[in-house]
Amino acid sequence: MRILIVSFYAEQHYSSTAQNTRLLARALLDEGHEVRVVCAGAEQGSVVEDGYLCIRLAVNSSGSRTGRF
């Protein structure tokens, strides 16, 4: 099954939300699912983290979206 997880915090953040997002993504990946995570970041881009694709959307410090999709 293809699964998309959307979370403001996911990669390179130490909040419980980020930790739970990473744990959920990893557990679903271990079960054989295709997992992608969309999260906020200082810069826009994509990175493979722990076997799943993490897509960062650039936001400023107030949480507003910057740039274009």
N, C-alpha and C. Protein backbone atom coordinates (compact mmCIF):
# COMPACT_ATOMS: atom_id res chain seq x y z
N MET A 1 0.85 -1.16 0.00
CA MET A 1 0.00 0.00 0.00
C MET A 1 0.90 1.23 0.00
N ARG A 2 0.52 2.26 -0.72
CA ARG A 2 1.26 3.52 -0.73
C ARG A 2 0.66 4.45 0.32
N ILE A 3 1.49 4.96 1.20
CA ILE A 3 1.02 5.76 2.33
C ILE A 3 1.77 7.09 2.36
N LEU A 4 1.02 8.18 2.52
CA LEU A 4 1.59 9.52 2.66
C LEU A 4 1.29 10.02 4.07
N ILE A 5 2.33 10.40 4.79
CA ILE A 5 2.19 10.97 6.13
C ILE A 5 2.53 12.45 6.03
N VAL A 6 1.64 13.30 6.54
CA VAL A 6 1.87 14.75 6.54
C VAL A 6 2.01 15.20 7.98
N SER A 7 3.14 15.82 8.28
CA SER A 7 3.41 16.27 9.64
C SER A 7 4.27 17.52 9.58
N PHE A 8 3.93 18.55 10.35
CA PHE A 8 4.74 19.76 10.33
C PHE A 8 6.16 19.44 10.74
N TYR A 9 6.32 18.64 11.79
CA TYR A 9 7.65 18.23 12.23
C TYR A 9 7.88 16.77 11.86
N ALA A 10 9.01 16.49 11.24
CA ALA A 10 9.33 15.10 10.95
C ALA A 10 10.83 14.87 11.03
N GLU A 11 11.57 15.42 10.12
CA GLU A 11 13.00 15.13 10.10
C GLU A 11 13.78 16.20 10.86
N GLN A 12 14.88 15.81 11.42
CA GLN A 12 15.82 16.71 12.09
C GLN A 12 15.15 17.61 13.13
N HIS A 13 14.21 17.06 13.85
CA HIS A 13 13.53 17.81 14.92
C HIS A 13 13.32 16.85 16.08
N TYR A 14 13.44 17.34 17.29
CA TYR A 14 13.40 16.44 18.46
C TYR A 14 12.07 16.45 19.21
N SER A 15 11.02 16.96 18.58
CA SER A 15 9.72 16.95 19.25
C SER A 15 9.14 15.55 19.24
N SER A 16 8.17 15.31 20.11
CA SER A 16 7.53 14.00 20.14
C SER A 16 6.77 13.74 18.84
N THR A 17 6.23 14.80 18.22
CA THR A 17 5.54 14.65 16.94
C THR A 17 6.50 14.12 15.88
N ALA A 18 7.69 14.70 15.83
CA ALA A 18 8.69 14.26 14.85
C ALA A 18 9.12 12.82 15.11
N GLN A 19 9.35 12.49 16.36
CA GLN A 19 9.76 11.13 16.71
C GLN A 19 8.68 10.12 16.35
N ASN A 20 7.43 10.44 16.67
CA ASN A 20 6.32 9.53 16.36
C ASN A 20 6.13 9.38 14.85
N THR A 21 6.31 10.46 14.11
CA THR A 21 6.20 10.40 12.66
C THR A 21 7.26 9.48 12.08
N ARG A 22 8.50 9.62 12.54
CA ARG A 22 9.58 8.75 12.06
C ARG A 22 9.33 7.29 12.44
N LEU A 23 8.88 7.06 13.67
CA LEU A 23 8.61 5.69 14.11
C LEU A 23 7.48 5.05 13.30
N LEU A 24 6.42 5.81 13.04
CA LEU A 24 5.30 5.30 12.26
C LEU A 24 5.75 4.99 10.83
N ALA A 25 6.48 5.91 10.22
CA ALA A 25 6.96 5.69 8.86
C ALA A 25 7.84 4.45 8.79
N ARG A 26 8.74 4.30 9.74
CA ARG A 26 9.65 3.15 9.76
C ARG A 26 8.87 1.84 9.96
N ALA A 27 7.89 1.84 10.86
CA ALA A 27 7.10 0.63 11.11
C ALA A 27 6.30 0.23 9.88
N LEU A 28 5.71 1.21 9.20
CA LEU A 28 4.95 0.91 7.98
C LEU A 28 5.86 0.41 6.87
N LEU A 29 7.04 0.98 6.77
CA LEU A 29 8.02 0.53 5.80
C LEU A 29 8.45 -0.90 6.08
N ASP A 30 8.66 -1.21 7.35
CA ASP A 30 9.04 -2.57 7.74
C ASP A 30 7.96 -3.60 7.40
N GLU A 31 6.70 -3.16 7.35
CA GLU A 31 5.58 -4.04 7.00
C GLU A 31 5.42 -4.19 5.49
N GLY A 32 6.27 -3.50 4.73
CA GLY A 32 6.24 -3.66 3.28
C GLY A 32 5.51 -2.57 2.52
N HIS A 33 5.09 -1.52 3.20
CA HIS A 33 4.38 -0.43 2.54
C HIS A 33 5.36 0.56 1.93
N GLU A 34 4.90 1.30 0.92
CA GLU A 34 5.68 2.39 0.34
C GLU A 34 5.27 3.66 1.09
N VAL A 35 6.23 4.31 1.75
CA VAL A 35 5.92 5.43 2.64
C VAL A 35 6.63 6.69 2.16
N ARG A 36 5.90 7.79 2.17
CA ARG A 36 6.46 9.11 1.93
C ARG A 36 5.97 10.03 3.03
N VAL A 37 6.83 10.95 3.44
CA VAL A 37 6.49 11.90 4.50
C VAL A 37 6.66 13.31 3.94
N VAL A 38 5.67 14.16 4.16
CA VAL A 38 5.75 15.57 3.80
C VAL A 38 5.84 16.35 5.11
N CYS A 39 6.84 17.24 5.20
CA CYS A 39 7.03 18.00 6.43
C CYS A 39 7.54 19.40 6.11
N ALA A 40 7.61 20.24 7.13
CA ALA A 40 8.16 21.59 7.00
C ALA A 40 9.66 21.54 7.16
N GLY A 41 10.35 22.48 6.56
CA GLY A 41 11.79 22.57 6.69
C GLY A 41 12.28 23.97 6.39
N ALA A 42 13.50 24.26 6.76
CA ALA A 42 14.07 25.57 6.48
C ALA A 42 14.28 25.75 4.98
N GLU A 43 14.57 24.66 4.30
CA GLU A 43 14.77 24.68 2.86
C GLU A 43 13.91 23.61 2.21
N GLN A 44 13.45 23.90 1.00
CA GLN A 44 12.65 22.93 0.27
C GLN A 44 13.55 21.88 -0.34
N GLY A 45 13.08 20.65 -0.37
CA GLY A 45 13.86 19.58 -0.98
C GLY A 45 13.39 18.23 -0.50
N SER A 46 14.04 17.21 -1.00
CA SER A 46 13.69 15.84 -0.63
C SER A 46 14.94 15.10 -0.19
N VAL A 47 14.75 14.17 0.73
CA VAL A 47 15.85 13.35 1.21
C VAL A 47 15.29 11.98 1.57
N VAL A 48 16.08 10.94 1.31
CA VAL A 48 15.70 9.60 1.74
C VAL A 48 16.23 9.43 3.15
N GLU A 49 15.32 9.15 4.07
CA GLU A 49 15.67 9.02 5.48
C GLU A 49 15.12 7.70 6.01
N ASP A 50 15.98 6.86 6.52
CA ASP A 50 15.58 5.55 7.07
C ASP A 50 14.79 4.71 6.07
N GLY A 51 15.05 4.90 4.78
CA GLY A 51 14.40 4.08 3.76
C GLY A 51 13.15 4.67 3.16
N TYR A 52 12.65 5.79 3.66
CA TYR A 52 11.46 6.42 3.09
C TYR A 52 11.82 7.83 2.60
N LEU A 53 11.04 8.32 1.65
CA LEU A 53 11.27 9.64 1.09
C LEU A 53 10.63 10.69 1.97
N CYS A 54 11.41 11.67 2.38
CA CYS A 54 10.91 12.79 3.18
C CYS A 54 10.97 14.04 2.31
N ILE A 55 9.81 14.63 2.04
CA ILE A 55 9.70 15.80 1.18
C ILE A 55 9.50 17.03 2.07
N ARG A 56 10.46 17.94 2.03
CA ARG A 56 10.39 19.16 2.85
C ARG A 56 9.79 20.30 2.05
N LEU A 57 8.86 21.01 2.66
CA LEU A 57 8.32 22.24 2.10
C LEU A 57 8.86 23.40 2.93
N ALA A 58 9.47 24.37 2.27
CA ALA A 58 10.09 25.48 2.98
C ALA A 58 9.02 26.36 3.65
N VAL A 59 9.22 26.66 4.92
CA VAL A 59 8.35 27.56 5.66
C VAL A 59 9.23 28.55 6.41
N ASN A 60 8.68 29.72 6.72
CA ASN A 60 9.46 30.67 7.51
C ASN A 60 9.19 30.43 8.99
N SER A 61 9.79 31.22 9.85
CA SER A 61 9.70 30.98 11.30
C SER A 61 8.29 31.10 11.85
N SER A 62 7.38 31.78 11.14
CA SER A 62 6.01 31.89 11.62
C SER A 62 5.15 30.72 11.15
N GLY A 63 5.73 29.84 10.33
CA GLY A 63 4.99 28.68 9.85
C GLY A 63 4.32 28.91 8.51
N SER A 64 4.52 30.10 7.90
CA SER A 64 3.92 30.40 6.61
C SER A 64 4.74 29.77 5.49
N ARG A 65 4.06 29.33 4.47
CA ARG A 65 4.69 28.71 3.32
C ARG A 65 5.47 29.77 2.55
N THR A 66 6.66 29.42 2.08
CA THR A 66 7.46 30.32 1.25
C THR A 66 7.69 29.67 -0.10
N GLY A 67 7.98 30.46 -1.09
CA GLY A 67 8.28 29.91 -2.42
C GLY A 67 7.06 29.36 -3.11
N ARG A 68 7.31 28.51 -4.09
CA ARG A 68 6.23 27.92 -4.89
C ARG A 68 6.23 26.41 -4.70
N PHE A 69 5.05 25.81 -4.97
CA PHE A 69 4.95 24.36 -4.93
C PHE A 69 5.66 23.76 -6.10
